Amino acid sequence: MIHLNAVEAFYEPRKEVYERLNTIEWEEPLMREDESAFICGLLRAERPRRILEVGVYCGATTSIIAQCMADIGTEGCEIHSIDVLTECDTDADKKIGYVYENTREYFEKAHIRQTFHTGNIAPAFMDEIGDGIDFAVLDTVHFLPGELLDFLSILPYLKKGAVVCLHDISQHHTHPLRGDEFACGTLFSAVTAEKYLNARVTDSRYDTKMPNIGAFRVTEQTMEHIENVFLAICLKWHRFPSAKQLLTFRESFCRHYSEELIRIFDNAVDMNCDSTVIVRLDDIPDGSRVIIYGYGLMGRTCYRRLKRAGRCEILAWVDPDFEKIGDSRVTDPDAVDISTADVVMIGVSNYSEFKSIREKLAHDKGIDEKKFFIFDAPYEDL
C-alpha cells in the first residue's frame, strides 16, 4: 500500500538548527528543506525511542533529527549514527558528524543520547547497537548494491512496524550527472511494505513531481517477501564493495537469512565480479599454462573467467588454507611446482597482500616476476 501525502511536514527543527549554527562554519544538509521536513514529520508522528542513521557525512541531518526529538519532548531517545568514513571526504580536517558535535552539549541537556559509529559498514556495528530500532534513515552510497545491502543488514534489528526513510529515491532522474545512483529507488520499489510519499509541489507546468525522499513501514510481509530485495542485488553494480566488506555483509546475512537467500547473494556477487571486477585476459597468450594463487573473491573470478574463455590451461589452483576451504579444485601451494606456469595469477583483492605474496613466491620459489599477472582491478587498499 502507498500512502500519498499522508505525512504532515514539520519544518521548525531545521530552522532551529540553522539559528543555532549561525556562528560556525558548516556545510548545509544534503537534503532539501522539504525533505528534512518529511523526516521530521514522520518522527513527530511516530515518536521513536531508538533511531538508526546510516550515512552521516557532516552530521547536519543528525542535528535536525535530534532537534526534532527535543522539540516533541522524547526524553531518553537514542540516536545511533553509522558512517563508513571517519573524516569528510571533501575536508579531511573535519570528522564525520562535526556539525552535530558543535551542538552535542545542547542536546545532552535535552536528554538526547547520540553515538557515532564510524570507520566501517553497518553490519559491523549492529550487534553493538542492538535490536529494537523503531526508526531508520538510509542515505549512503546510492550506487547499487549500496542501500540494498545496508537495509538487509539492519532489517533483523528493526522492530515490527519500524519506519525506514530513504533519501534520493529519484535523484537518478533529477540530477544530470547521477544517472547511475538508483540504489535507493530500487530498494523503495523492491521492498514489500507500507510506503509513504509526499508529492513534491514545483513551479513547473506540472502540478507535482516524483519526490526524492520516501519511507516505508516494516510489516510481517516485509520479511516474508524479502527475496525481492535479494533478487534486486542481482542487478548490475556500479560501486563495488571491497572483498572485506562483502565478507562482513555475508557473515551477517548467514546469521539472519535462509540458505536459499544466501545463494542468491553469492550468485549476485559472482555475476558482478565477472562483469565488474576487471580481469582482462587479452594479454595472456592462447595456450598459456596458468596457476591461480588464492581462493578469495578475485581468485574465484579468475578461475571462472579462465574456464569460460577456454584459451588457457589451468595447471593448478592453490591456497595455503586449502584444507579449511574444502574445495576439491584447490590444493596445497607446496605440492605444486609453480615455476612450471607461464602465468601466475595472484587472486587477492588487497594490493599489499598481492605484493607480499608476489615477493614471497619470487624469493622462495624462484618465480620470474614477469610471470605475475597484473590486474586492472580496484584493489581495496589503493
Protein backbone atom coordinates (compact mmCIF):
# COMPACT_ATOMS: atom_id res chain seq x y z
CA MET A 1 0.00 0.00 0.00
CA ILE A 2 1.21 3.51 -0.82
CA HIS A 3 0.15 6.42 1.40
CA LEU A 4 0.29 9.62 -0.65
CA ASN A 5 0.61 12.97 1.09
CA ALA A 6 -0.11 11.33 4.47
CA VAL A 7 2.92 12.82 6.26
CA GLU A 8 2.45 16.28 7.76
CA ALA A 9 5.71 18.12 7.10
CA PHE A 10 7.47 19.58 10.15
CA TYR A 11 9.81 22.45 9.21
CA GLU A 12 10.67 24.01 12.59
CA PRO A 13 13.53 21.70 13.70
CA ARG A 14 15.66 22.55 10.66
CA LYS A 15 15.08 26.28 11.17
CA GLU A 16 16.13 26.00 14.83
CA VAL A 17 19.33 24.13 13.90
CA TYR A 18 20.19 26.84 11.35
CA GLU A 19 19.77 29.51 14.01
CA ARG A 20 21.94 27.62 16.49
CA LEU A 21 24.75 27.08 13.99
CA ASN A 22 24.90 30.59 12.56
CA THR A 23 28.14 31.34 14.43
CA ILE A 24 30.21 28.46 12.99
CA GLU A 25 31.38 27.42 9.53
CA TRP A 26 29.45 24.35 8.47
CA GLU A 27 28.07 22.53 5.46
CA GLU A 28 24.34 22.60 4.99
CA PRO A 29 22.38 19.33 4.89
CA LEU A 30 22.44 17.39 1.64
CA MET A 31 18.64 17.27 1.95
CA ARG A 32 16.33 20.00 0.75
CA GLU A 33 14.15 21.74 3.31
CA ASP A 34 11.03 19.79 2.29
CA GLU A 35 12.95 16.52 2.61
CA SER A 36 14.10 17.30 6.15
CA ALA A 37 10.53 18.32 6.97
CA PHE A 38 9.26 14.95 5.67
CA ILE A 39 11.58 13.07 8.05
CA CYS A 40 10.70 15.34 10.95
CA GLY A 41 7.01 14.92 10.20
CA LEU A 42 7.39 11.16 10.44
CA LEU A 43 9.41 11.48 13.64
CA ARG A 44 6.73 13.64 15.20
CA ALA A 45 4.05 11.13 14.23
CA GLU A 46 5.99 8.02 15.29
CA ARG A 47 7.84 9.34 18.40
CA PRO A 48 10.53 6.61 18.17
CA ARG A 49 12.79 5.72 21.08
CA ARG A 50 15.70 4.19 19.13
CA ILE A 51 16.77 5.82 15.86
CA LEU A 52 19.37 4.48 13.43
CA GLU A 53 21.03 6.73 10.86
CA VAL A 54 23.19 5.05 8.19
CA GLY A 55 25.15 7.67 6.28
CA VAL A 56 26.16 10.76 8.27
CA TYR A 57 28.70 12.97 6.50
CA CYS A 58 28.85 16.32 8.33
CA GLY A 59 26.05 15.47 10.76
CA ALA A 60 23.64 18.25 9.80
CA THR A 61 20.75 15.81 9.40
CA THR A 62 21.76 14.18 12.70
CA SER A 63 21.33 17.59 14.32
CA ILE A 64 17.93 18.12 12.70
CA ILE A 65 16.74 14.68 13.87
CA ALA A 66 17.95 15.40 17.41
CA GLN A 67 16.29 18.83 17.37
CA CYS A 68 13.02 17.28 16.26
CA MET A 69 13.15 14.74 19.08
CA ALA A 70 13.90 17.52 21.59
CA ASP A 71 11.01 19.60 20.25
CA ILE A 72 8.47 16.80 20.65
CA GLY A 73 9.74 16.01 24.15
CA THR A 74 11.05 12.48 23.64
CA GLU A 75 13.45 12.34 26.58
CA GLY A 76 15.86 9.43 26.65
CA CYS A 77 15.74 8.99 22.88
CA GLU A 78 18.77 7.17 21.43
CA ILE A 79 20.30 8.04 18.04
CA HIS A 80 22.94 5.75 16.55
CA SER A 81 24.74 7.18 13.51
CA ILE A 82 26.87 4.97 11.24
CA ASP A 83 29.30 6.04 8.53
CA VAL A 84 31.96 4.02 6.71
CA LEU A 85 34.27 7.06 6.75
CA THR A 86 35.91 8.76 9.71
CA GLU A 87 36.60 12.12 8.01
CA CYS A 88 34.56 14.10 5.49
CA ASP A 89 35.81 13.22 2.01
CA THR A 90 35.82 16.89 0.97
CA ASP A 91 37.82 18.03 4.01
CA ALA A 92 39.96 15.52 5.92
CA ASP A 93 40.37 18.00 8.77
CA LYS A 94 36.69 17.63 9.61
CA LYS A 95 35.48 14.49 11.34
CA ILE A 96 32.30 12.72 10.32
CA GLY A 97 29.47 14.33 12.27
CA TYR A 98 31.38 17.52 13.15
CA VAL A 99 28.24 19.65 12.84
CA TYR A 100 26.46 17.61 15.48
CA GLU A 101 29.50 17.79 17.77
CA ASN A 102 29.06 21.58 17.81
CA THR A 103 25.56 21.09 19.22
CA ARG A 104 26.09 17.98 21.35
CA GLU A 105 26.06 19.80 24.69
CA TYR A 106 22.68 21.36 23.93
CA PHE A 107 21.11 18.02 23.01
CA GLU A 108 22.60 16.23 26.01
CA LYS A 109 20.81 18.77 28.20
CA ALA A 110 17.64 17.83 26.31
CA HIS A 111 18.35 14.17 27.23
CA ILE A 112 19.05 13.10 23.64
CA ARG A 113 21.65 10.32 23.63
CA GLN A 114 23.60 10.16 20.37
CA THR A 115 26.53 7.88 19.37
CA PHE A 116 28.66 7.89 16.23
CA HIS A 117 29.90 4.56 14.84
CA THR A 118 32.44 5.31 12.11
CA GLY A 119 35.07 3.60 10.00
CA ASN A 120 33.09 0.55 8.92
CA ILE A 121 29.86 -0.60 7.29
CA ALA A 122 26.55 -1.08 9.12
CA PRO A 123 26.70 -4.84 9.88
CA ALA A 124 29.99 -4.34 11.73
CA PHE A 125 28.16 -2.25 14.35
CA MET A 126 24.67 -3.73 14.58
CA ASP A 127 25.34 -6.26 17.35
CA GLU A 128 26.84 -3.46 19.43
CA ILE A 129 23.87 -1.18 18.74
CA GLY A 130 21.35 -3.94 19.36
CA ASP A 131 17.81 -4.57 18.23
CA GLY A 132 14.60 -2.68 18.93
CA ILE A 133 15.30 0.02 16.34
CA ASP A 134 11.99 1.70 15.55
CA PHE A 135 13.11 4.37 13.05
CA ALA A 136 15.92 4.34 10.46
CA VAL A 137 17.29 6.72 7.84
CA LEU A 138 19.35 5.26 4.96
CA ASP A 139 21.40 7.75 2.96
CA THR A 140 24.70 6.24 1.89
CA VAL A 141 26.37 5.50 -1.47
CA HIS A 142 23.26 5.44 -3.76
CA PHE A 143 25.05 3.19 -6.28
CA LEU A 144 23.98 -0.44 -6.43
CA PRO A 145 24.26 -2.54 -4.32
CA GLY A 146 24.62 0.26 -1.70
CA GLU A 147 21.46 0.77 0.31
CA LEU A 148 20.11 -2.70 -0.57
CA LEU A 149 22.95 -4.32 1.38
CA ASP A 150 22.62 -1.71 4.15
CA PHE A 151 18.92 -2.42 4.56
CA LEU A 152 19.33 -6.20 4.59
CA SER A 153 21.99 -5.86 7.28
CA ILE A 154 19.81 -3.72 9.58
CA LEU A 155 16.41 -5.36 8.96
CA PRO A 156 16.88 -8.12 11.59
CA TYR A 157 17.40 -5.37 14.20
CA LEU A 158 14.28 -3.39 13.33
CA LYS A 159 11.08 -3.69 15.34
CA LYS A 160 7.95 -4.77 13.55
CA GLY A 161 6.31 -1.52 12.48
CA ALA A 162 9.59 0.37 12.28
CA VAL A 163 9.77 3.16 9.71
CA VAL A 164 12.67 3.38 7.24
CA CYS A 165 13.36 6.63 5.36
CA LEU A 166 15.22 6.61 2.05
CA HIS A 167 16.78 9.74 0.60
CA ASP A 168 17.49 10.32 -3.12
CA ILE A 169 14.98 7.80 -4.43
CA SER A 170 14.62 9.76 -7.69
CA GLN A 171 18.00 11.53 -7.90
CA HIS A 172 18.95 9.41 -10.92
CA HIS A 173 16.26 11.28 -12.86
CA THR A 174 16.68 14.78 -11.44
CA HIS A 175 20.48 15.16 -11.44
CA PRO A 176 22.20 15.10 -14.86
CA LEU A 177 25.45 13.59 -13.56
CA ARG A 178 23.95 10.96 -11.27
CA GLY A 179 22.08 8.65 -13.59
CA ASP A 180 23.66 5.56 -12.00
CA GLU A 181 22.62 6.47 -8.45
CA PHE A 182 19.41 4.49 -8.20
CA ALA A 183 20.03 2.12 -5.27
CA CYS A 184 17.52 3.91 -3.04
CA GLY A 185 14.88 3.95 -5.76
CA THR A 186 15.48 0.25 -6.40
CA LEU A 187 15.11 -0.61 -2.71
CA PHE A 188 11.97 1.50 -2.38
CA SER A 189 10.46 -0.32 -5.37
CA ALA A 190 11.57 -3.83 -4.39
CA VAL A 191 10.69 -3.93 -0.69
CA THR A 192 7.27 -5.18 0.38
CA ALA A 193 5.94 -2.70 2.92
CA GLU A 194 3.54 0.15 3.55
CA LYS A 195 5.05 3.08 1.67
CA TYR A 196 4.82 6.83 2.20
CA LEU A 197 5.35 9.55 -0.40
CA ASN A 198 4.58 13.25 -0.25
CA ALA A 199 4.13 14.66 -3.75
CA ARG A 200 6.61 17.43 -4.37
CA VAL A 201 4.99 20.70 -5.45
CA THR A 202 7.04 22.53 -8.09
CA ASP A 203 6.93 25.74 -10.05
CA SER A 204 6.93 23.86 -13.34
CA ARG A 205 3.95 23.44 -15.66
CA TYR A 206 3.26 20.15 -13.89
CA ASP A 207 1.40 20.26 -10.59
CA THR A 208 3.55 17.67 -8.83
CA LYS A 209 6.79 15.78 -9.29
CA MET A 210 8.10 12.43 -8.04
CA PRO A 211 9.60 13.16 -4.61
CA ASN A 212 13.25 12.48 -3.85
CA ILE A 213 12.51 11.08 -0.41
CA GLY A 214 10.19 8.31 0.73
CA ALA A 215 9.60 5.99 3.63
CA PHE A 216 8.18 2.57 4.32
CA ARG A 217 6.89 0.73 7.36
CA VAL A 218 8.26 -2.75 8.06
CA THR A 219 5.48 -5.34 8.27
CA GLU A 220 5.29 -9.12 8.50
CA GLN A 221 5.16 -9.18 4.70
CA THR A 222 8.49 -7.35 4.53
CA MET A 223 10.37 -10.39 5.81
CA GLU A 224 8.06 -12.86 4.07
CA HIS A 225 8.93 -11.33 0.70
CA ILE A 226 12.49 -10.23 1.42
CA GLU A 227 13.67 -12.38 -1.50
CA ASN A 228 12.62 -9.47 -3.75
CA VAL A 229 15.35 -7.30 -2.22
CA PHE A 230 17.90 -10.12 -2.52
CA LEU A 231 16.95 -10.57 -6.17
CA ALA A 232 17.41 -6.83 -6.75
CA ILE A 233 21.05 -7.27 -5.70
CA CYS A 234 21.50 -9.31 -8.88
CA LEU A 235 21.20 -6.11 -10.92
CA LYS A 236 24.39 -4.58 -12.31
CA TRP A 237 26.51 -2.96 -9.60
CA HIS A 238 28.01 0.48 -10.14
CA ARG A 239 30.12 0.76 -6.96
CA PHE A 240 31.80 -2.46 -5.93
CA PRO A 241 32.22 -3.06 -2.17
CA SER A 242 35.61 -4.32 -1.05
CA ALA A 243 36.12 -8.04 -0.54
CA LYS A 244 36.33 -7.43 3.22
CA GLN A 245 33.02 -5.53 3.20
CA LEU A 246 31.30 -8.25 1.18
CA LEU A 247 32.53 -10.85 3.65
CA THR A 248 31.16 -8.78 6.55
CA PHE A 249 27.77 -8.50 4.82
CA ARG A 250 27.73 -12.21 4.07
CA GLU A 251 28.57 -13.19 7.64
CA SER A 252 25.70 -11.02 8.85
CA PHE A 253 23.28 -12.46 6.29
CA CYS A 254 24.24 -16.04 7.18
CA ARG A 255 23.11 -15.40 10.74
CA HIS A 256 19.72 -13.97 9.81
CA TYR A 257 18.57 -15.34 6.45
CA SER A 258 17.95 -18.72 4.82
CA GLU A 259 20.46 -20.70 2.77
CA GLU A 260 18.38 -20.01 -0.34
CA LEU A 261 18.76 -16.26 0.14
CA ILE A 262 22.49 -16.63 0.81
CA ARG A 263 22.81 -18.48 -2.51
CA ILE A 264 21.09 -15.56 -4.25
CA PHE A 265 23.56 -13.19 -2.60
CA ASP A 266 26.53 -15.37 -3.61
CA ASN A 267 25.27 -15.55 -7.19
CA ALA A 268 24.84 -11.77 -7.28
CA VAL A 269 28.42 -11.32 -6.09
CA ASP A 270 29.76 -13.81 -8.64
CA MET A 271 27.84 -12.27 -11.54
CA ASN A 272 29.01 -8.79 -10.66
CA CYS A 273 32.58 -9.94 -10.12
CA ASP A 274 32.53 -11.38 -13.63
CA SER A 275 31.11 -8.23 -15.16
CA THR A 276 32.56 -5.52 -12.91
CA VAL A 277 35.87 -6.68 -11.40
CA ILE A 278 38.23 -6.22 -14.32
CA VAL A 279 40.19 -9.37 -15.14
CA ARG A 280 41.41 -8.79 -18.69
CA LEU A 281 42.64 -11.94 -20.40
CA ASP A 282 43.61 -10.33 -23.71
CA ASP A 283 47.26 -10.02 -22.72
CA ILE A 284 47.57 -13.73 -21.87
CA PRO A 285 48.67 -15.70 -24.96
CA ASP A 286 46.48 -18.58 -26.09
CA GLY A 287 47.61 -21.91 -24.69
CA SER A 288 49.33 -20.37 -21.65
CA ARG A 289 49.71 -22.60 -18.61
CA VAL A 290 48.22 -20.73 -15.65
CA ILE A 291 48.35 -21.20 -11.89
CA ILE A 292 45.89 -19.28 -9.73
CA TYR A 293 47.09 -18.43 -6.23
CA GLY A 294 44.29 -17.56 -3.79
CA TYR A 295 40.67 -18.59 -3.28
CA GLY A 296 39.27 -15.18 -2.42
CA LEU A 297 36.87 -13.05 -4.42
CA MET A 298 39.49 -12.27 -7.06
CA GLY A 299 40.76 -15.85 -7.23
CA ARG A 300 37.30 -17.29 -7.84
CA THR A 301 36.66 -14.64 -10.50
CA CYS A 302 39.93 -15.55 -12.25
CA TYR A 303 39.00 -19.24 -12.25
CA ARG A 304 35.55 -18.64 -13.75
CA ARG A 305 36.86 -16.26 -16.40
CA LEU A 306 39.63 -18.63 -17.44
CA LYS A 307 37.32 -21.64 -17.60
CA ARG A 308 34.75 -19.71 -19.60
CA ALA A 309 37.35 -18.37 -22.08
CA GLY A 310 38.86 -21.82 -22.59
CA ARG A 311 42.02 -20.36 -24.13
CA CYS A 312 44.45 -21.31 -21.37
CA GLU A 313 45.30 -24.41 -19.37
CA ILE A 314 44.76 -24.11 -15.63
CA LEU A 315 47.61 -26.16 -14.17
CA ALA A 316 46.50 -25.65 -10.57
CA TRP A 317 44.50 -23.51 -8.21
CA VAL A 318 46.32 -23.17 -4.89
CA ASP A 319 45.78 -21.59 -1.50
CA PRO A 320 47.60 -22.10 1.83
CA ASP A 321 44.21 -22.60 3.51
CA PHE A 322 43.17 -25.32 1.05
CA GLU A 323 42.17 -27.75 3.82
CA LYS A 324 39.87 -25.24 5.52
CA ILE A 325 38.44 -24.16 2.15
CA GLY A 326 37.36 -27.71 1.39
CA ASP A 327 37.07 -27.21 -2.38
CA SER A 328 38.48 -30.20 -4.30
CA ARG A 329 39.69 -27.88 -7.08
CA VAL A 330 42.06 -26.08 -4.66
CA THR A 331 45.29 -27.66 -3.49
CA ASP A 332 48.42 -27.03 -1.40
CA PRO A 333 50.85 -24.47 -2.93
CA ASP A 334 53.78 -26.57 -1.65
CA ALA A 335 52.54 -29.58 -3.63
CA VAL A 336 52.75 -27.72 -6.94
CA ASP A 337 55.80 -26.61 -8.92
CA ILE A 338 54.63 -23.06 -9.56
CA SER A 339 57.69 -22.33 -11.69
CA THR A 340 56.24 -24.50 -14.47
CA ALA A 341 53.48 -21.98 -15.12
CA ASP A 342 53.68 -19.41 -17.88
CA VAL A 343 51.39 -17.09 -15.93
CA VAL A 344 50.75 -16.82 -12.17
CA MET A 345 47.53 -15.04 -11.18
CA ILE A 346 47.53 -13.93 -7.54
CA GLY A 347 43.81 -13.77 -6.78
CA VAL A 348 43.62 -11.39 -3.84
CA SER A 349 41.79 -8.06 -3.56
CA ASN A 350 44.27 -6.30 -1.26
CA TYR A 351 47.28 -4.80 -3.05
CA SER A 352 49.57 -5.04 0.00
CA GLU A 353 48.74 -8.75 0.22
CA PHE A 354 49.32 -9.09 -3.54
CA LYS A 355 52.81 -7.60 -3.23
CA SER A 356 53.64 -9.74 -0.21
CA ILE A 357 52.65 -12.98 -1.98
CA ARG A 358 54.46 -11.95 -5.16
CA GLU A 359 57.67 -11.21 -3.26
CA LYS A 360 57.43 -14.48 -1.32
CA LEU A 361 56.90 -16.58 -4.46
CA ALA A 362 59.72 -14.78 -6.28
CA HIS A 363 62.10 -15.30 -3.35
CA ASP A 364 61.12 -18.78 -2.12
CA LYS A 365 60.05 -20.40 -5.39
CA GLY A 366 62.31 -18.53 -7.78
CA ILE A 367 59.38 -17.33 -9.89
CA ASP A 368 60.28 -14.81 -12.58
CA GLU A 369 58.37 -11.62 -11.70
CA LYS A 370 57.44 -11.22 -15.38
CA LYS A 371 55.15 -14.25 -14.97
CA PHE A 372 52.89 -12.49 -12.46
CA PHE A 373 49.63 -11.26 -13.95
CA ILE A 374 48.89 -7.63 -13.07
CA PHE A 375 45.17 -6.93 -12.66
CA ASP A 376 43.49 -3.80 -13.91
CA ALA A 377 41.32 -4.10 -10.81
CA PRO A 378 40.05 -1.99 -7.90
CA TYR A 379 42.42 -3.16 -5.16
CA GLU A 380 40.69 -2.17 -1.95
CA ASP A 381 43.70 -0.56 -0.27
CA LEU A 382 44.65 1.75 -3.17
